[in-house]
C-alpha cells in the first residue's frame, strides 16, 4: 500500500525558515585544531538557517557569538539528539506505522476521515483494517478499511490505489506533519539544522562568530642557496574542512598552544537517580513549571599582516581566499633572507661515524616562525636534503641537519678512571672524596680533496665539569671548531671530571674494609690512623675470642664440679674413691677462681682497648 494517497490529501507544507545562510567573511585556522569562523547575515522575522555538522555542534554551541545592532535577545532552535524518538513519543503512531498505510489506519482508529473513490465520497471514523478475499483470482494481500459513517452506517472499503483518504481533524493532520518533519530531519543525520531568531522583527545585518574543529594548518619551508645567503620561504598548506565554501574570505593562520576543550552540550546527559517507592494513596497533579529563557624561486609571496603575542603569532593573508569545501591550497606567505651559516656538524655521544651537513638558523623576525618541514636547495647539487624546523621565538637559534657528510670520518673513544683524592674522619665517619675523570677523544679523518671546518658538539652531563677545552660553553653542550685539512687528520680530547663523596662508619667497618681504605687514602696521617684502628680492632677481636674461651672453660668446670658433688652426696661413704673426688672438687674450685680472675682481667683490658679505639675513631 502506498502512503502517497494519504500524504497528498493532508497539508504537507512544513514550517520553513528563510532561505538565508550566513556569508563567511573571515576564517582563522589555528594549530590547536580549530577554525574560528566569522560571518555576516541578514536577520528578520523569518529567522536564519544555520546547518551545522553533527560532529561540530558541541563546539558551535560552546562558542557562538552574535553581534546584533538591535540588542534583541537571540535564540537558537534545533532538533535534540534523540529528537526523532521524542517526537513520536508524543504522537498517536510510531515512525514505522507512519510509513505503513495499513498500520497507520490501525493506529488512528476513531479518527475522522474523508474517503473518496472515483468521485464517491464517504465521511466517517476509522474502525481499523482486516484481510479480505481478493476480487481477482490469483491476487493476494487484499486489505479492507472499516469506516463508520456519520449516519451510523458501517462500511468496508478496499485499500487500493483508487482510494484517497484525508484526515478531517486538523490535530491529526498536524500530527502527521510533525512525524514527517521528524523523519526528514533524521534523514539528515550528519547535519543539525539550527535556526537563529530573535525578539526584534525588523530586518538588519548581524555578525556571527563560532569555532569548529579543523585540520591543523601546516608549513613547508624552502631554503634556497644564493649569492647573498639563504632565502627562506614559508608555504602554508591549508585545507577547507569546515563543510562550507569559502568565497573571498580573509584567511588568518595562527600558531600557539591554546587549550581547546571538547564540550558536551548537545548530547543528552542524565544523572542516575534512586528508584522511588510506589505511592499507593492518590497524589495531586504538580503545578506547571515556569518557563525559563533559552537561549618559489622567482615568485612573490602572498602579502600578509603579522602580529605577535606572548604565546602566539598570526599571519593574515591580504589576498582574499576562495576555496570550496573539501579542497586544499598551498601558497607562499612568508619570505626572509638569512645568513648562510652552513656547518659540518658532529654531535658527540650519538654513536655516529660521519658528521652531518647542517645550517644554523636564527629567527630575525619579532614574531614566532611556525614549525614545519624545510627543504634545502643548493646551486651545485639541487636538492640538498630535508629537515624539520621547530617553532622559533624571536631571536631563537636552531641547528637544522640536512644530510650526512660521508667524506669525513670520526671515531669517538671514551676512557674513564677514578682515584681517591682526599679523606677525613668526622664523628666516626670516614669521608673519602673520589675524583672521576672521563676522557673523550675524537679522531677525525678529513675529506680526500676538500678542507673542512668541523663543528664538534660535545654533550654536557649534569654534575660533570669540562676542563681543557677551548670551545664555547652552552647549557647542555660544549662547542669546538676544528680545521680539518683535505686528507689530513685531527684529534681533539675533552676531559670531564666529577668529584663524589663516599661515607662509611669506621666503627662498623670490617677488617678488609679498613685494610682497603688505609691503602687507598692519599693522606699519610690518615693512613697511620686507619692502621692503628686496624691494629686495635685485631687486638679487640683476639680479646673477645679469649673471653669467649674463658667463659666456656668456667662453664665446663662448674658443670664437672656439680657432677662430682652430686655423686659424693649420693654415695655417702668415706672410700678412697670418694676422698679422691673431694680432692678433685677442691682443685676444680681453684681452677674456677683462676679462670674468673683471668676473665675479669680480659674484660678490663677489653674496656681499655674499646675506650682507646673510640677515642681514636671519634677523636679530632
Protein backbone atom coordinates (compact mmCIF):
# COMPACT_ATOMS: atom_id res chain seq x y z
CA UNK A 1 0.00 0.00 0.00
CA UNK A 2 1.34 3.36 -0.94
CA UNK A 3 1.18 6.18 1.54
CA UNK A 4 1.08 8.81 -1.21
CA UNK A 5 -2.69 8.76 -1.33
CA UNK A 6 -2.79 9.92 2.29
CA UNK A 7 0.07 12.37 2.12
CA UNK A 8 -1.30 14.19 -0.91
CA UNK A 9 -4.53 14.82 0.87
CA UNK A 10 -3.05 16.34 4.04
CA UNK A 11 -1.28 19.63 4.37
CA UNK A 12 2.40 18.73 3.88
CA UNK A 13 3.76 22.27 3.87
CA UNK A 14 6.36 22.01 6.66
CA UNK A 15 7.43 25.12 8.58
CA UNK A 16 10.38 26.57 6.65
CA UNK A 17 12.99 29.13 7.52
CA UNK A 18 14.00 31.84 5.13
CA UNK A 19 16.46 30.61 2.55
CA UNK A 20 19.26 32.68 4.03
CA UNK A 21 22.54 31.46 5.39
CA UNK A 22 25.44 33.39 6.87
CA UNK A 23 28.11 34.60 4.49
CA UNK A 24 31.56 33.61 5.71
CA UNK A 25 33.83 36.65 5.70
CA UNK A 26 36.95 35.51 7.56
CA UNK A 27 38.47 32.26 8.78
CA UNK A 28 41.26 31.85 11.34
CA UNK A 29 42.97 28.44 11.35
CA UNK A 30 44.99 27.63 14.47
CA UNK A 31 47.49 24.95 15.40
CA UNK A 32 45.07 23.97 18.19
CA UNK A 33 42.96 22.14 15.58
CA UNK A 34 40.17 24.73 15.48
CA UNK A 35 38.79 27.14 12.89
CA UNK A 36 37.34 30.45 14.03
CA UNK A 37 34.60 31.41 11.57
CA UNK A 38 33.37 34.99 11.28
CA UNK A 39 30.32 35.60 9.13
CA UNK A 40 27.60 38.13 8.37
CA UNK A 41 23.93 37.60 7.68
CA UNK A 42 20.60 39.37 7.32
CA UNK A 43 18.19 38.54 10.15
CA UNK A 44 14.45 39.29 10.06
CA UNK A 45 11.28 37.82 11.47
CA UNK A 46 11.67 34.61 9.43
CA UNK A 47 14.93 33.79 11.18
CA UNK A 48 18.24 32.47 9.93
CA UNK A 49 19.19 28.95 8.86
CA UNK A 50 22.49 27.53 10.16
CA UNK A 51 23.17 23.94 9.04
CA UNK A 52 25.84 22.58 11.38
CA UNK A 53 27.58 19.24 11.05
CA UNK A 54 26.71 16.82 13.84
CA UNK A 55 30.42 16.46 14.70
CA UNK A 56 30.76 20.25 15.08
CA UNK A 57 27.62 21.05 17.08
CA UNK A 58 29.28 20.93 20.53
CA UNK A 59 31.94 23.46 19.55
CA UNK A 60 29.27 25.57 17.84
CA UNK A 61 27.10 25.69 20.96
CA UNK A 62 30.17 26.34 23.10
CA UNK A 63 31.49 29.25 21.11
CA UNK A 64 28.79 31.04 19.08
CA UNK A 65 28.85 34.84 19.38
CA UNK A 66 26.17 37.14 17.95
CA UNK A 67 26.57 40.87 17.34
CA UNK A 68 23.07 42.26 16.77
CA UNK A 69 22.78 46.08 16.46
CA UNK A 70 19.16 45.90 17.66
CA UNK A 71 20.20 44.47 21.02
CA UNK A 72 17.48 41.83 20.72
CA UNK A 73 17.66 38.52 22.57
CA UNK A 74 18.87 35.76 20.20
CA UNK A 75 17.57 32.22 20.34
CA UNK A 76 18.85 29.02 18.76
CA UNK A 77 16.45 26.22 17.96
CA UNK A 78 17.34 22.73 16.71
CA UNK A 79 16.22 19.15 16.99
CA UNK A 80 17.53 17.32 20.04
CA UNK A 81 20.00 14.43 19.91
CA UNK A 82 17.09 11.99 20.30
CA UNK A 83 14.51 14.22 18.68
CA UNK A 84 13.00 11.51 16.46
CA UNK A 85 12.05 9.27 19.37
CA UNK A 86 10.92 12.24 21.47
CA UNK A 87 8.67 13.47 18.66
CA UNK A 88 6.97 10.12 18.08
CA UNK A 89 6.57 9.58 21.83
CA UNK A 90 4.08 12.47 21.66
CA UNK A 91 2.27 11.24 18.52
CA UNK A 92 -0.50 8.60 18.27
CA UNK A 93 1.60 6.47 15.89
CA UNK A 94 5.19 5.29 15.61
CA UNK A 95 7.74 6.06 12.94
CA UNK A 96 7.28 2.58 11.47
CA UNK A 97 3.49 2.96 11.41
CA UNK A 98 3.77 6.30 9.62
CA UNK A 99 5.50 4.53 6.74
CA UNK A 100 2.89 1.74 6.53
CA UNK A 101 -0.62 2.74 5.37
CA UNK A 102 -2.42 -0.20 6.97
CA UNK A 103 -0.51 0.21 10.27
CA UNK A 104 -1.30 3.94 10.25
CA UNK A 105 -5.04 3.28 9.76
CA UNK A 106 -4.98 0.82 12.66
CA UNK A 107 -3.10 3.27 14.87
CA UNK A 108 -5.58 6.09 14.10
CA UNK A 109 -8.76 4.18 14.95
CA UNK A 110 -11.52 6.65 15.77
CA UNK A 111 -10.01 9.48 13.74
CA UNK A 112 -12.47 11.28 11.41
CA UNK A 113 -11.53 10.90 7.76
CA UNK A 114 -12.86 11.65 4.30
CA UNK A 115 -12.55 8.72 1.89
CA UNK A 116 -13.03 9.15 -1.87
CA UNK A 117 -13.15 6.56 -4.64
CA UNK A 118 -13.76 7.69 -8.23
CA UNK A 119 -15.80 10.70 -7.14
CA UNK A 120 -17.82 8.89 -4.45
CA UNK A 121 -17.08 10.50 -1.09
CA UNK A 122 -17.61 8.87 2.32
CA UNK A 123 -17.10 10.63 5.66
CA UNK A 124 -16.74 8.84 8.96
CA UNK A 125 -14.47 7.48 11.64
CA UNK A 126 -11.76 4.87 11.18
CA UNK A 127 -12.50 1.45 12.62
CA UNK A 128 -9.31 -0.33 11.54
CA UNK A 129 -8.41 -2.79 8.80
CA UNK A 130 -8.70 -6.51 8.12
CA UNK A 131 -7.67 -9.02 5.45
CA UNK A 132 -10.34 -9.81 2.86
CA UNK A 133 -10.56 -12.12 -0.17
CA UNK A 134 -9.32 -10.54 -3.35
CA UNK A 135 -11.75 -9.93 -6.19
CA UNK A 136 -9.36 -11.18 -8.87
CA UNK A 137 -8.23 -14.77 -8.98
CA UNK A 138 -4.59 -15.26 -8.01
CA UNK A 139 -4.38 -11.89 -6.25
CA UNK A 140 -3.20 -11.88 -2.65
CA UNK A 141 -2.81 -9.48 0.27
CA UNK A 142 -6.04 -7.57 -0.12
CA UNK A 143 -6.98 -5.33 2.81
CA UNK A 144 -10.27 -3.59 3.60
CA UNK A 145 -10.76 -0.43 5.66
CA UNK A 146 -13.72 -0.36 8.05
CA UNK A 147 -15.46 3.02 8.35
CA UNK A 148 -18.36 4.21 10.48
CA UNK A 149 -20.21 6.88 8.57
CA UNK A 150 -21.77 9.99 10.04
CA UNK A 151 -25.12 8.36 9.61
CA UNK A 152 -24.00 5.48 11.80
CA UNK A 153 -23.77 3.00 8.95
CA UNK A 154 -20.75 0.68 8.88
CA UNK A 155 -18.96 0.42 5.58
CA UNK A 156 -16.00 -1.54 4.27
CA UNK A 157 -13.73 -0.13 1.56
CA UNK A 158 -10.86 -1.91 -0.16
CA UNK A 159 -7.49 -0.22 0.30
CA UNK A 160 -6.06 0.18 -3.16
CA UNK A 161 -4.62 2.87 -5.41
CA UNK A 162 -8.07 4.24 -6.23
CA UNK A 163 -8.90 5.06 -2.62
CA UNK A 164 -7.94 8.51 -1.39
CA UNK A 165 -8.11 9.35 2.30
CA UNK A 166 -7.64 12.61 4.16
CA UNK A 167 -7.89 13.33 7.86
CA UNK A 168 -10.67 15.70 8.74
CA UNK A 169 -9.29 16.74 12.14
CA UNK A 170 -6.61 19.45 11.97
CA UNK A 171 -4.85 17.90 15.01
CA UNK A 172 -4.44 14.59 13.17
CA UNK A 173 -3.08 16.35 10.09
CA UNK A 174 -0.67 18.32 12.27
CA UNK A 175 0.50 15.07 13.91
CA UNK A 176 1.34 13.61 10.51
CA UNK A 177 3.13 16.80 9.54
CA UNK A 178 5.22 16.64 12.73
CA UNK A 179 6.06 13.00 12.10
CA UNK A 180 7.12 13.69 8.53
CA UNK A 181 9.24 16.64 9.63
CA UNK A 182 10.94 14.47 12.25
CA UNK A 183 11.68 11.75 9.70
CA UNK A 184 13.03 14.33 7.30
CA UNK A 185 15.35 15.70 9.98
CA UNK A 186 16.52 12.21 10.94
CA UNK A 187 17.36 11.53 7.30
CA UNK A 188 19.90 14.38 7.59
CA UNK A 189 21.66 12.56 10.42
CA UNK A 190 25.02 14.24 9.84
CA UNK A 191 23.53 17.75 9.83
CA UNK A 192 21.84 19.61 12.66
CA UNK A 193 19.61 22.36 11.25
CA UNK A 194 19.93 25.26 13.67
CA UNK A 195 17.60 28.23 13.36
CA UNK A 196 18.55 31.60 14.80
CA UNK A 197 15.76 34.01 15.66
CA UNK A 198 15.36 36.99 17.93
CA UNK A 199 12.75 39.14 19.56
CA UNK A 200 13.20 42.02 17.07
CA UNK A 201 11.16 41.72 13.82
CA UNK A 202 12.86 44.41 11.71
CA UNK A 203 15.43 43.23 9.12
CA UNK A 204 19.05 44.09 9.96
CA UNK A 205 22.62 42.93 9.38
CA UNK A 206 24.18 40.86 12.18
CA UNK A 207 27.64 39.40 12.69
CA UNK A 208 28.31 35.85 13.85
CA UNK A 209 31.41 34.06 15.07
CA UNK A 210 31.97 30.46 16.16
CA UNK A 211 34.56 27.72 16.47
CA UNK A 212 34.60 24.32 14.85
CA UNK A 213 37.17 21.52 14.54
CA UNK A 214 39.55 21.84 11.62
CA UNK A 215 42.76 20.14 10.47
CA UNK A 216 45.93 21.82 11.70
CA UNK A 217 47.40 24.06 9.02
CA UNK A 218 50.95 23.13 8.09
CA UNK A 219 54.07 24.95 6.99
CA UNK A 220 56.52 23.76 4.34
CA UNK A 221 59.71 25.82 4.14
CA UNK A 222 62.10 26.22 1.20
CA UNK A 223 65.67 27.28 1.92
CA UNK A 224 67.43 28.29 -1.29
CA UNK A 225 71.15 28.90 -1.55
CA UNK A 226 72.08 32.13 -3.30
CA UNK A 227 74.92 34.63 -3.68
CA UNK A 228 73.70 36.67 -0.73
CA UNK A 229 72.99 33.75 1.58
CA UNK A 230 69.88 31.71 2.17
CA UNK A 231 66.36 32.70 1.19
CA UNK A 232 63.82 31.05 3.48
CA UNK A 233 60.27 30.87 2.06
CA UNK A 234 57.35 29.50 4.00
CA UNK A 235 54.44 27.86 2.23
CA UNK A 236 51.18 27.38 4.11
CA UNK A 237 49.26 24.15 3.41
CA UNK A 238 45.59 24.80 4.08
CA UNK A 239 42.54 22.55 3.89
CA UNK A 240 38.94 23.69 3.94
CA UNK A 241 37.33 21.03 6.10
CA UNK A 242 34.67 23.31 7.57
CA UNK A 243 31.93 21.86 5.37
CA UNK A 244 31.20 25.30 3.88
CA UNK A 245 32.56 27.00 0.79
CA UNK A 246 34.83 30.00 1.23
CA UNK A 247 34.32 32.85 -1.20
CA UNK A 248 36.74 35.75 -0.94
CA UNK A 249 37.30 35.16 2.78
CA UNK A 250 40.03 36.82 4.82
CA UNK A 251 42.24 33.94 5.94
CA UNK A 252 44.41 34.10 9.08
CA UNK A 253 46.92 31.44 10.09
CA UNK A 254 47.56 31.36 13.84
CA UNK A 255 50.09 29.50 15.97
CA UNK A 256 50.12 28.92 19.70
CA UNK A 257 49.46 26.20 22.26
CA UNK A 258 45.99 27.19 23.47
CA UNK A 259 43.82 24.77 25.40
CA UNK A 260 40.86 23.51 23.37
CA UNK A 261 38.36 21.50 25.40
CA UNK A 262 35.81 19.14 23.91
CA UNK A 263 32.41 20.26 25.18
CA UNK A 264 29.36 18.05 25.70
CA UNK A 265 26.47 20.44 25.13
CA UNK A 266 24.36 18.67 22.53
CA UNK A 267 24.31 15.03 23.61
CA UNK A 268 21.76 14.19 26.26
CA UNK A 269 23.26 13.85 29.75
CA UNK A 270 21.32 12.29 32.60
CA UNK A 271 22.05 11.88 36.29
CA UNK A 272 21.38 8.49 37.91
CA UNK A 273 18.59 8.70 40.48
CA UNK A 274 17.35 6.37 43.21
CA UNK A 275 14.19 4.48 42.41
CA UNK A 276 11.21 5.87 44.34
CA UNK A 277 8.90 3.50 46.16
CA UNK A 278 5.38 3.23 44.69
CA UNK A 279 2.86 5.62 46.22
CA UNK A 280 -0.47 3.98 46.95
CA UNK A 281 -2.61 6.92 48.01
CA UNK A 282 -3.69 9.42 45.32
CA UNK A 283 -1.49 12.42 44.67
CA UNK A 284 -2.30 15.86 43.37
CA UNK A 285 -1.02 16.95 39.98
CA UNK A 286 2.03 19.23 40.26
CA UNK A 287 1.79 22.90 39.48
CA UNK A 288 3.06 23.86 35.99
CA UNK A 289 6.71 24.86 35.87
CA UNK A 290 7.60 28.42 34.96
CA UNK A 291 9.30 28.73 31.59
CA UNK A 292 12.94 29.73 31.61
CA UNK A 293 14.54 31.86 28.89
CA UNK A 294 16.53 29.65 26.49
CA UNK A 295 18.77 30.81 24.87
CA UNK A 296 59.19 29.80 -5.27
CA UNK A 297 62.34 30.57 -6.79
CA UNK A 298 61.28 33.63 -8.84
CA UNK A 299 57.95 34.41 -7.38
CA UNK A 300 56.25 36.67 -4.92
CA UNK A 301 54.63 35.72 -1.65
CA UNK A 302 51.08 36.47 -0.65
CA UNK A 303 51.09 39.75 1.30
CA UNK A 304 50.37 39.18 4.97
CA UNK A 305 49.76 41.22 8.08
CA UNK A 306 51.67 39.79 11.03
CA UNK A 307 51.18 40.30 14.75
CA UNK A 308 52.62 38.53 17.77
CA UNK A 309 51.58 37.95 21.38
CA UNK A 310 53.18 36.37 24.40
CA UNK A 311 52.46 32.84 23.20
CA UNK A 312 51.12 33.08 19.66
CA UNK A 313 51.67 34.59 16.21
CA UNK A 314 49.17 35.36 13.47
CA UNK A 315 49.61 35.74 9.72
CA UNK A 316 46.61 37.30 7.97
CA UNK A 317 46.62 36.97 4.18
CA UNK A 318 45.78 40.25 2.46
CA UNK A 319 44.58 38.46 -0.68
CA UNK A 320 41.06 37.01 -0.25
CA UNK A 321 40.90 33.23 -0.50
CA UNK A 322 38.26 31.26 -2.38
CA UNK A 323 38.24 27.57 -1.53
CA UNK A 324 35.44 25.06 -1.87
CA UNK A 325 34.67 22.70 0.97
CA UNK A 326 36.99 19.68 0.82
CA UNK A 327 39.65 21.41 -1.30
CA UNK A 328 43.23 22.28 -0.35
CA UNK A 329 45.61 25.03 -1.37
CA UNK A 330 49.26 25.77 -0.74
CA UNK A 331 50.70 29.25 -1.19
CA UNK A 332 53.82 31.15 -0.07
CA UNK A 333 53.08 33.58 2.73
CA UNK A 334 56.47 34.45 4.28
CA UNK A 335 59.99 35.09 2.97
CA UNK A 336 63.13 36.12 4.82
CA UNK A 337 66.81 36.36 3.89
CA UNK A 338 69.13 34.62 6.37
CA UNK A 339 72.86 34.40 6.82
CA UNK A 340 74.19 31.20 5.27
CA UNK A 341 75.55 29.65 8.46
CA UNK A 342 76.45 26.29 6.93
CA UNK A 343 78.03 23.76 9.30
CA UNK A 344 79.78 20.42 9.14
CA UNK A 345 78.45 19.21 12.47
CA UNK A 346 79.36 16.22 14.61
CA UNK A 347 77.36 15.56 17.76
CA UNK A 348 79.24 13.51 20.32
CA UNK A 349 77.66 10.66 22.19
CA UNK A 350 75.41 9.63 19.29
CA UNK A 351 77.49 6.71 18.05
CA UNK A 352 77.77 8.18 14.53
CA UNK A 353 80.84 7.79 12.30
CA UNK A 354 80.21 10.74 9.96
CA UNK A 355 79.33 14.38 10.66
CA UNK A 356 76.15 16.00 9.40
CA UNK A 357 75.68 18.87 6.97
CA UNK A 358 73.63 21.46 8.84
CA UNK A 359 72.52 25.09 8.85
CA UNK A 360 72.17 27.23 11.93
CA UNK A 361 69.01 29.32 11.66
CA UNK A 362 68.26 32.40 13.68
CA UNK A 363 64.77 33.88 13.64
CA UNK A 364 65.25 37.55 12.67
CA UNK A 365 61.59 38.47 12.94
CA UNK A 366 59.90 39.97 16.00
CA UNK A 367 57.37 37.11 15.99
CA UNK A 368 57.36 33.36 16.07
CA UNK A 369 58.15 31.33 13.00
CA UNK A 370 55.76 28.36 12.72
CA UNK A 371 57.15 24.85 12.82
CA UNK A 372 57.34 22.81 9.62
CA UNK A 373 59.41 20.78 7.23
CA UNK A 374 62.19 22.59 5.32
CA UNK A 375 63.70 21.51 2.01
CA UNK A 376 67.18 22.82 1.18
CA UNK A 377 68.26 23.58 -2.39
CA UNK A 378 71.88 24.27 -3.33
CA UNK A 379 73.13 25.81 -6.55
CA UNK A 380 75.59 23.00 -7.20
CA UNK A 381 73.60 19.89 -6.32
CA UNK A 382 69.95 20.94 -6.39
CA UNK A 383 68.04 19.16 -3.64
CA UNK A 384 70.39 19.00 -0.64
CA UNK A 385 68.08 17.42 1.94
CA UNK A 386 65.08 17.84 4.21
CA UNK A 387 64.72 18.62 7.91
CA UNK A 388 62.21 19.84 10.48
CA UNK A 389 62.16 23.36 11.92
CA UNK A 390 60.58 23.70 15.37
CA UNK A 391 58.58 26.79 16.25
CA UNK A 392 61.13 29.57 16.80
CA UNK A 393 60.52 32.53 19.07
CA UNK A 394 62.06 35.90 18.12
CA UNK A 395 65.85 35.70 18.15
CA UNK A 396 65.89 31.93 18.79
CA UNK A 397 68.55 29.83 17.07
CA UNK A 398 68.25 26.26 15.89
CA UNK A 399 70.63 23.92 14.07
CA UNK A 400 68.90 22.03 11.27
CA UNK A 401 70.62 18.91 9.92
CA UNK A 402 70.03 18.04 6.25
CA UNK A 403 72.46 15.34 5.15
CA UNK A 404 75.43 13.21 6.19
CA UNK A 405 78.97 14.15 5.12
CA UNK A 406 80.31 10.69 4.30
CA UNK A 407 83.66 12.09 3.10
CA UNK A 408 84.68 12.79 6.72
CA UNK A 409 85.04 10.06 9.33
CA UNK A 410 85.03 10.50 13.09
CA UNK A 411 86.00 7.89 15.68
CA UNK A 412 84.91 8.55 19.26
CA UNK A 413 86.56 6.71 22.16
CA UNK A 414 85.91 7.11 25.88
CA UNK A 415 88.15 6.26 28.83
CA UNK A 416 87.12 6.65 32.44
CA UNK A 417 89.29 6.38 35.57
CA UNK A 418 88.85 7.25 39.21
CA UNK A 419 91.03 7.83 42.30
CA UNK A 420 90.55 8.86 45.92
CA UNK A 421 91.90 12.38 46.21
CA UNK A 422 91.21 13.12 49.88
CA UNK A 423 89.81 11.60 53.05
CA UNK A 424 88.99 12.52 56.63
CA UNK A 425 87.21 11.09 59.64
CA UNK A 426 84.47 13.23 61.13
CA UNK A 427 82.35 11.99 64.06
CA UNK A 428 83.37 8.42 63.40
CA UNK A 429 82.52 8.59 59.69
CA UNK A 430 85.15 8.23 57.01
CA UNK A 431 84.50 10.74 54.22
CA UNK A 432 86.52 9.96 51.09
CA UNK A 433 86.34 12.19 48.01
CA UNK A 434 86.66 10.32 44.72
CA UNK A 435 87.65 12.14 41.55
CA UNK A 436 86.27 10.51 38.38
CA UNK A 437 87.88 11.54 35.12
CA UNK A 438 86.28 10.81 31.76
CA UNK A 439 88.33 11.43 28.62
CA UNK A 440 86.53 11.55 25.27
CA UNK A 441 88.83 11.52 22.28
CA UNK A 442 87.55 12.49 18.83
CA UNK A 443 89.77 11.30 15.96
CA UNK A 444 88.82 12.93 12.65
CA UNK A 445 89.91 11.87 9.15
CA UNK A 446 89.45 14.64 6.52
CA UNK A 447 87.81 14.52 3.14
CA UNK A 448 90.19 13.40 0.39
CA UNK A 449 90.00 16.56 -1.75
CA UNK A 450 88.47 19.39 0.30
CA UNK A 451 89.23 21.18 3.52
CA UNK A 452 86.57 21.14 6.18
CA UNK A 453 85.73 23.19 9.22
CA UNK A 454 84.10 20.72 11.59
CA UNK A 455 81.92 21.94 14.43
CA UNK A 456 82.14 19.46 17.29
CA UNK A 457 79.32 19.48 19.83
CA UNK A 458 80.08 17.51 22.95
CA UNK A 459 77.12 16.96 25.30
CA UNK A 460 77.43 18.23 28.84
CA UNK A 461 76.35 15.87 31.58
CA UNK A 462 74.75 17.02 34.79
CA UNK A 463 77.23 17.09 37.67
CA UNK A 464 80.33 16.96 35.45
CA UNK A 465 82.84 19.76 34.84
CA UNK A 466 84.59 20.14 31.50
CA UNK A 467 88.23 21.22 31.56
CA UNK A 468 90.91 21.62 28.94
CA UNK A 469 88.52 22.66 26.14
CA UNK A 470 88.72 25.90 24.22
CA UNK A 471 85.18 25.60 22.92
CA UNK A 472 82.17 27.73 23.66
CA UNK A 473 80.19 26.56 26.65
CA UNK A 474 76.42 26.29 26.49
CA UNK A 475 73.89 24.97 28.94
CA UNK A 476 73.83 21.46 27.53
CA UNK A 477 76.89 21.24 25.28
CA UNK A 478 80.39 22.49 24.56
CA UNK A 479 81.06 23.62 21.02
CA UNK A 480 84.50 23.33 19.42
CA UNK A 481 85.53 24.39 15.90
CA UNK A 482 88.27 22.29 14.26
CA UNK A 483 90.11 22.99 10.99
CA UNK A 484 90.42 19.72 9.12
CA UNK A 485 92.66 19.83 6.01
CA UNK A 486 91.94 17.70 2.97
CA UNK A 487 93.25 14.18 3.53
CA UNK A 488 94.50 15.19 6.98
CA UNK A 489 93.74 14.04 10.48
CA UNK A 490 92.89 15.84 13.70
CA UNK A 491 92.41 14.70 17.27
CA UNK A 492 90.61 16.58 19.99
CA UNK A 493 90.19 15.46 23.56
CA UNK A 494 87.62 16.66 26.08
CA UNK A 495 88.17 15.89 29.75
CA UNK A 496 85.22 15.78 32.14
CA UNK A 497 85.64 15.47 35.89
CA UNK A 498 83.33 14.77 38.76
CA UNK A 499 84.04 14.62 42.49
CA UNK A 500 81.86 12.39 44.64
CA UNK A 501 81.97 11.72 48.37
CA UNK A 502 81.76 8.24 49.88
CA UNK A 503 80.81 7.82 53.53
CA UNK A 504 81.34 4.80 55.81
CA UNK A 505 81.04 4.32 59.60
CA UNK A 506 84.52 3.37 60.83
CA UNK A 507 83.27 1.65 63.99
CA UNK A 508 81.37 -0.97 61.99
CA UNK A 509 83.98 -1.48 59.28
CA UNK A 510 85.22 -4.97 58.61
CA UNK A 511 88.97 -5.67 58.70
CA UNK A 512 89.15 -5.96 54.92
CA UNK A 513 87.49 -2.54 54.52
CA UNK A 514 89.95 -0.96 56.95
CA UNK A 515 92.81 -2.53 55.02
CA UNK A 516 91.41 -1.17 51.72
CA UNK A 517 90.96 2.42 52.93
CA UNK A 518 94.28 2.54 54.77
CA UNK A 519 95.99 1.65 51.49
CA UNK A 520 93.81 3.97 49.36
CA UNK A 521 93.56 7.39 51.03
CA UNK A 522 96.42 9.69 49.98
CA UNK A 523 96.93 11.38 53.39
CA UNK A 524 99.79 9.73 55.36
CA UNK A 525 98.41 10.76 58.76
CA UNK A 526 95.02 9.31 57.91
CA UNK A 527 96.70 6.15 56.65
CA UNK A 528 98.56 5.79 60.01
CA UNK A 529 95.35 6.46 61.94
CA UNK A 530 93.46 3.85 59.98
CA UNK A 531 96.39 1.45 60.54
CA UNK A 532 96.19 1.99 64.30
CA UNK A 533 92.44 1.44 64.20
CA UNK A 534 93.00 -1.75 62.25
CA UNK A 535 95.62 -2.95 64.83
CA UNK A 536 93.34 -2.16 67.79
CA UNK A 537 90.47 -3.92 66.04
CA UNK A 538 92.68 -7.02 65.70
CA UNK A 539 93.55 -6.88 69.43
CA UNK A 540 89.92 -6.36 70.26
CA UNK A 541 88.94 -9.38 68.21
CA UNK A 542 91.63 -11.50 69.92
CA UNK A 543 90.45 -10.40 73.40
CA UNK A 544 86.87 -11.22 72.56
CA UNK A 545 87.93 -14.69 71.43
CA UNK A 546 89.89 -15.12 74.75
CA UNK A 547 86.89 -14.01 76.81
CA UNK A 548 84.67 -16.44 74.92
CA UNK A 549 87.18 -19.26 75.64
CA UNK A 550 87.41 -18.41 79.40
CA UNK A 551 83.63 -18.21 79.72
CA UNK A 552 83.32 -21.64 78.10
CA UNK A 553 86.07 -23.01 80.42
CA UNK A 554 84.34 -21.71 83.57
CA UNK A 555 81.06 -23.23 82.45
CA UNK A 556 82.71 -26.62 81.83
CA UNK A 557 84.50 -26.58 85.26
CA UNK A 558 81.30 -25.70 87.10
CA UNK A 559 79.44 -28.48 85.33
CA UNK A 560 82.19 -31.01 86.23
CA UNK A 561 82.25 -29.81 89.85
CA UNK A 562 78.48 -30.15 90.20
CA UNK A 563 78.57 -33.67 88.81
CA UNK A 564 81.21 -34.75 91.41
CA UNK A 565 79.40 -33.12 94.33
CA UNK A 566 76.14 -34.90 93.39
CA UNK A 567 77.96 -38.22 93.19
CA UNK A 568 79.58 -37.76 96.65
CA UNK A 569 76.20 -36.92 98.18
CA UNK A 570 74.60 -40.00 96.65
CA UNK A 571 77.34 -42.42 97.83
CA UNK A 572 77.53 -41.19 101.46
CA UNK A 573 80.80 -43.12 102.20
CA UNK A 574 84.46 -42.45 103.04
CA UNK A 575 86.03 -44.69 100.49
CA UNK A 576 89.36 -43.79 98.82
CA UNK A 577 87.43 -43.02 95.61
CA UNK A 578 85.15 -40.60 97.44
CA UNK A 579 88.12 -38.91 99.10
CA UNK A 580 89.74 -38.55 95.64
CA UNK A 581 86.52 -36.98 94.40
CA UNK A 582 86.56 -34.46 97.25
CA UNK A 583 90.15 -33.50 96.35
CA UNK A 584 89.13 -33.05 92.70
CA UNK A 585 86.27 -30.80 93.71
CA UNK A 586 88.69 -28.52 95.55
CA UNK A 587 91.07 -28.49 92.55
CA UNK A 588 88.22 -27.53 90.25
CA UNK A 589 87.20 -24.78 92.64
CA UNK A 590 90.73 -23.33 92.49
CA UNK A 591 90.67 -23.57 88.67
CA UNK A 592 87.30 -21.78 88.51
CA UNK A 593 88.66 -18.98 90.68
CA UNK A 594 91.73 -18.61 88.48
CA UNK A 595 89.63 -18.63 85.27
CA UNK A 596 87.28 -16.00 86.66
CA UNK A 597 90.22 -13.79 87.58
CA UNK A 598 91.62 -14.19 84.04
CA UNK A 599 88.15 -13.41 82.64
CA UNK A 600 87.94 -10.26 84.76
CA UNK A 601 91.39 -9.15 83.63
CA UNK A 602 90.47 -9.75 79.96
CA UNK A 603 87.27 -7.74 80.39
CA UNK A 604 89.24 -4.88 81.94
CA UNK A 605 91.72 -4.94 79.05
CA UNK A 606 88.82 -5.02 76.55
CA UNK A 607 87.21 -1.96 78.16
CA UNK A 608 90.50 -0.06 77.99
CA UNK A 609 91.01 -1.17 74.41
CA UNK A 610 87.47 -0.13 73.45
CA UNK A 611 87.98 3.29 75.01
CA UNK A 612 91.27 3.70 73.12
CA UNK A 613 89.56 2.60 69.88
CA UNK A 614 86.61 5.01 70.27
CA UNK A 615 88.99 7.83 71.14
CA UNK A 616 90.98 7.08 68.01
CA UNK A 617 87.84 6.86 65.84
CA UNK A 618 85.84 9.79 67.25
CA UNK A 619 88.78 11.99 68.25
CA UNK A 620 89.73 15.03 66.18
